[in-house]
């Protein structure tokens, strides 16, 4: 995964690469799919919400989750014919995090 991350432009800061790699450990191979990246983001976000993410100590984790979602869409763009369907599925999955928090 680190090789793939280091190939991104602009390159993410080393601390962010490290945290993304930790959060995605075991879930993502050397050439991650959009689904694998989104799975890792979803899993990390669920953990953050369970543990509470209201302090500065969660900032790097939140940035890593954001980066994983961004990279999922970047990877999805490599197959434009699937982008609409992948985007729909991602929105459904990510919007589920808002359900326990009514407006």
C-alpha atoms as a PDB file:
ATOM      1  CA  UNK A   1       0.000   0.000   0.000  1.00  0.00           C
ATOM      2  CA  UNK A   2       2.787   2.444   0.824  1.00  0.00           C
ATOM      3  CA  UNK A   3       4.146   2.196  -2.723  1.00  0.00           C
ATOM      4  CA  UNK A   4       0.736   3.078  -4.132  1.00  0.00           C
ATOM      5  CA  UNK A   5       0.356   5.950  -1.656  1.00  0.00           C
ATOM      6  CA  UNK A   6       3.792   7.302  -2.413  1.00  0.00           C
ATOM      7  CA  UNK A   7       2.810   7.364  -6.071  1.00  0.00           C
ATOM      8  CA  UNK A   8      -0.003   9.852  -5.420  1.00  0.00           C
ATOM      9  CA  UNK A   9       0.443  13.417  -6.549  1.00  0.00           C
ATOM     10  CA  UNK A  10       0.778  15.511  -4.584  1.00  0.00           C
ATOM     11  CA  UNK A  11       2.462  13.138  -2.190  1.00  0.00           C
ATOM     12  CA  UNK A  12       0.820  12.981   1.227  1.00  0.00           C
ATOM     13  CA  UNK A  13       2.950  13.893   4.257  1.00  0.00           C
ATOM     14  CA  UNK A  14       4.841  10.968   5.761  1.00  0.00           C
ATOM     15  CA  UNK A  15       2.809  11.016   9.000  1.00  0.00           C
ATOM     16  CA  UNK A  16      -0.393  10.757   6.991  1.00  0.00           C
ATOM     17  CA  UNK A  17       0.987   7.888   4.885  1.00  0.00           C
ATOM     18  CA  UNK A  18       1.917   6.105   8.098  1.00  0.00           C
ATOM     19  CA  UNK A  19      -1.520   6.536   9.625  1.00  0.00           C
ATOM     20  CA  UNK A  20      -3.343   5.513   6.440  1.00  0.00           C
ATOM     21  CA  UNK A  21      -1.158   2.419   6.254  1.00  0.00           C
ATOM     22  CA  UNK A  22      -1.947   1.563   9.889  1.00  0.00           C
ATOM     23  CA  UNK A  23      -5.693   2.067   9.458  1.00  0.00           C
ATOM     24  CA  UNK A  24      -5.755  -0.024   6.301  1.00  0.00           C
ATOM     25  CA  UNK A  25      -3.381  -2.750   7.481  1.00  0.00           C
ATOM     26  CA  UNK A  26      -4.444  -6.133   6.201  1.00  0.00           C
ATOM     27  CA  UNK A  27      -7.375  -4.724   4.228  1.00  0.00           C
ATOM     28  CA  UNK A  28      -5.508  -3.261   1.292  1.00  0.00           C
ATOM     29  CA  UNK A  29      -2.939  -4.764  -1.017  1.00  0.00           C
ATOM     30  CA  UNK A  30      -0.237  -3.125  -3.121  1.00  0.00           C
ATOM     31  CA  UNK A  31      -2.770  -1.976  -5.751  1.00  0.00           C
ATOM     32  CA  UNK A  32      -5.882  -1.174  -3.754  1.00  0.00           C
ATOM     33  CA  UNK A  33      -9.312  -1.191  -5.333  1.00  0.00           C
ATOM     34  CA  UNK A  34     -11.769   1.628  -4.713  1.00  0.00           C
ATOM     35  CA  UNK A  35     -13.864  -0.764  -2.635  1.00  0.00           C
ATOM     36  CA  UNK A  36     -10.915  -1.754  -0.444  1.00  0.00           C
ATOM     37  CA  UNK A  37     -10.062   1.890   0.185  1.00  0.00           C
ATOM     38  CA  UNK A  38     -13.667   2.690   1.034  1.00  0.00           C
ATOM     39  CA  UNK A  39     -13.891  -0.378   3.303  1.00  0.00           C
ATOM     40  CA  UNK A  40     -10.821   0.815   5.212  1.00  0.00           C
ATOM     41  CA  UNK A  41     -12.241   4.340   5.520  1.00  0.00           C
ATOM     42  CA  UNK A  42     -15.602   3.053   6.705  1.00  0.00           C
ATOM     43  CA  UNK A  43     -14.052   0.747   9.280  1.00  0.00           C
ATOM     44  CA  UNK A  44     -11.786   3.481  10.643  1.00  0.00           C
ATOM     45  CA  UNK A  45     -14.631   6.009  10.801  1.00  0.00           C
ATOM     46  CA  UNK A  46     -16.886   3.569  12.631  1.00  0.00           C
ATOM     47  CA  UNK A  47     -14.150   3.002  15.200  1.00  0.00           C
ATOM     48  CA  UNK A  48     -13.571   6.746  15.603  1.00  0.00           C
ATOM     49  CA  UNK A  49     -17.264   7.385  16.157  1.00  0.00           C
ATOM     50  CA  UNK A  50     -17.501   4.563  18.712  1.00  0.00           C
ATOM     51  CA  UNK A  51     -14.504   5.919  20.603  1.00  0.00           C
ATOM     52  CA  UNK A  52     -15.482   9.570  20.246  1.00  0.00           C
ATOM     53  CA  UNK A  53     -13.492  11.820  17.968  1.00  0.00           C
ATOM     54  CA  UNK A  54     -13.929  15.149  19.674  1.00  0.00           C
ATOM     55  CA  UNK A  55     -10.337  15.986  20.540  1.00  0.00           C
ATOM     56  CA  UNK A  56      -7.223  16.979  18.657  1.00  0.00           C
ATOM     57  CA  UNK A  57      -5.816  13.518  19.209  1.00  0.00           C
ATOM     58  CA  UNK A  58      -8.258  12.258  16.553  1.00  0.00           C
ATOM     59  CA  UNK A  59      -7.196  14.787  13.916  1.00  0.00           C
ATOM     60  CA  UNK A  60      -4.682  12.565  12.136  1.00  0.00           C
ATOM     61  CA  UNK A  61      -7.150   9.661  12.075  1.00  0.00           C
ATOM     62  CA  UNK A  62      -9.870  11.887  10.624  1.00  0.00           C
ATOM     63  CA  UNK A  63      -7.476  13.169   7.972  1.00  0.00           C
ATOM     64  CA  UNK A  64      -6.523   9.586   7.145  1.00  0.00           C
ATOM     65  CA  UNK A  65     -10.185   8.607   6.745  1.00  0.00           C
ATOM     66  CA  UNK A  66     -10.716  11.598   4.479  1.00  0.00           C
ATOM     67  CA  UNK A  67      -7.655  10.626   2.439  1.00  0.00           C
ATOM     68  CA  UNK A  68      -8.850   7.024   2.099  1.00  0.00           C
ATOM     69  CA  UNK A  69     -12.197   8.209   0.710  1.00  0.00           C
ATOM     70  CA  UNK A  70     -10.434  10.633  -1.631  1.00  0.00           C
ATOM     71  CA  UNK A  71      -8.125   7.867  -2.841  1.00  0.00           C
ATOM     72  CA  UNK A  72     -11.106   5.541  -3.307  1.00  0.00           C
ATOM     73  CA  UNK A  73     -12.604   8.044  -5.729  1.00  0.00           C
ATOM     74  CA  UNK A  74      -9.241   8.618  -7.385  1.00  0.00           C
ATOM     75  CA  UNK A  75      -8.904   4.875  -7.939  1.00  0.00           C
ATOM     76  CA  UNK A  76     -12.525   4.652  -9.120  1.00  0.00           C
ATOM     77  CA  UNK A  77     -11.851   7.299 -11.771  1.00  0.00           C
ATOM     78  CA  UNK A  78      -9.528   4.812 -13.474  1.00  0.00           C
ATOM     79  CA  UNK A  79     -12.674   2.960 -14.614  1.00  0.00           C
ATOM     80  CA  UNK A  80     -15.009   5.808 -15.648  1.00  0.00           C
ATOM     81  CA  UNK A  81     -17.715   3.420 -16.852  1.00  0.00           C
ATOM     82  CA  UNK A  82     -18.178   2.257 -13.233  1.00  0.00           C
ATOM     83  CA  UNK A  83     -17.839   5.657 -11.578  1.00  0.00           C
ATOM     84  CA  UNK A  84     -21.561   6.446 -11.280  1.00  0.00           C
ATOM     85  CA  UNK A  85     -22.404   3.108  -9.666  1.00  0.00           C
ATOM     86  CA  UNK A  86     -19.412   3.270  -7.324  1.00  0.00           C
ATOM     87  CA  UNK A  87     -20.279   6.828  -6.342  1.00  0.00           C
ATOM     88  CA  UNK A  88     -23.871   5.839  -5.540  1.00  0.00           C
ATOM     89  CA  UNK A  89     -22.713   2.930  -3.348  1.00  0.00           C
ATOM     90  CA  UNK A  90     -20.134   5.097  -1.581  1.00  0.00           C
ATOM     91  CA  UNK A  91     -22.681   7.804  -0.813  1.00  0.00           C
ATOM     92  CA  UNK A  92     -25.092   5.271   0.649  1.00  0.00           C
ATOM     93  CA  UNK A  93     -22.381   3.718   2.795  1.00  0.00           C
ATOM     94  CA  UNK A  94     -20.927   6.999   4.033  1.00  0.00           C
ATOM     95  CA  UNK A  95     -24.284   8.672   4.658  1.00  0.00           C
ATOM     96  CA  UNK A  96     -25.146   5.821   7.041  1.00  0.00           C
ATOM     97  CA  UNK A  97     -22.783   7.417   9.557  1.00  0.00           C
ATOM     98  CA  UNK A  98     -25.204  10.355   9.878  1.00  0.00           C
ATOM     99  CA  UNK A  99     -28.183   8.187  10.866  1.00  0.00           C
ATOM    100  CA  UNK A 100     -27.477   8.168  14.615  1.00  0.00           C
ATOM    101  CA  UNK A 101     -27.070  11.962  14.507  1.00  0.00           C
ATOM    102  CA  UNK A 102     -30.394  13.516  13.414  1.00  0.00           C
ATOM    103  CA  UNK A 103     -30.379  17.138  12.326  1.00  0.00           C
END
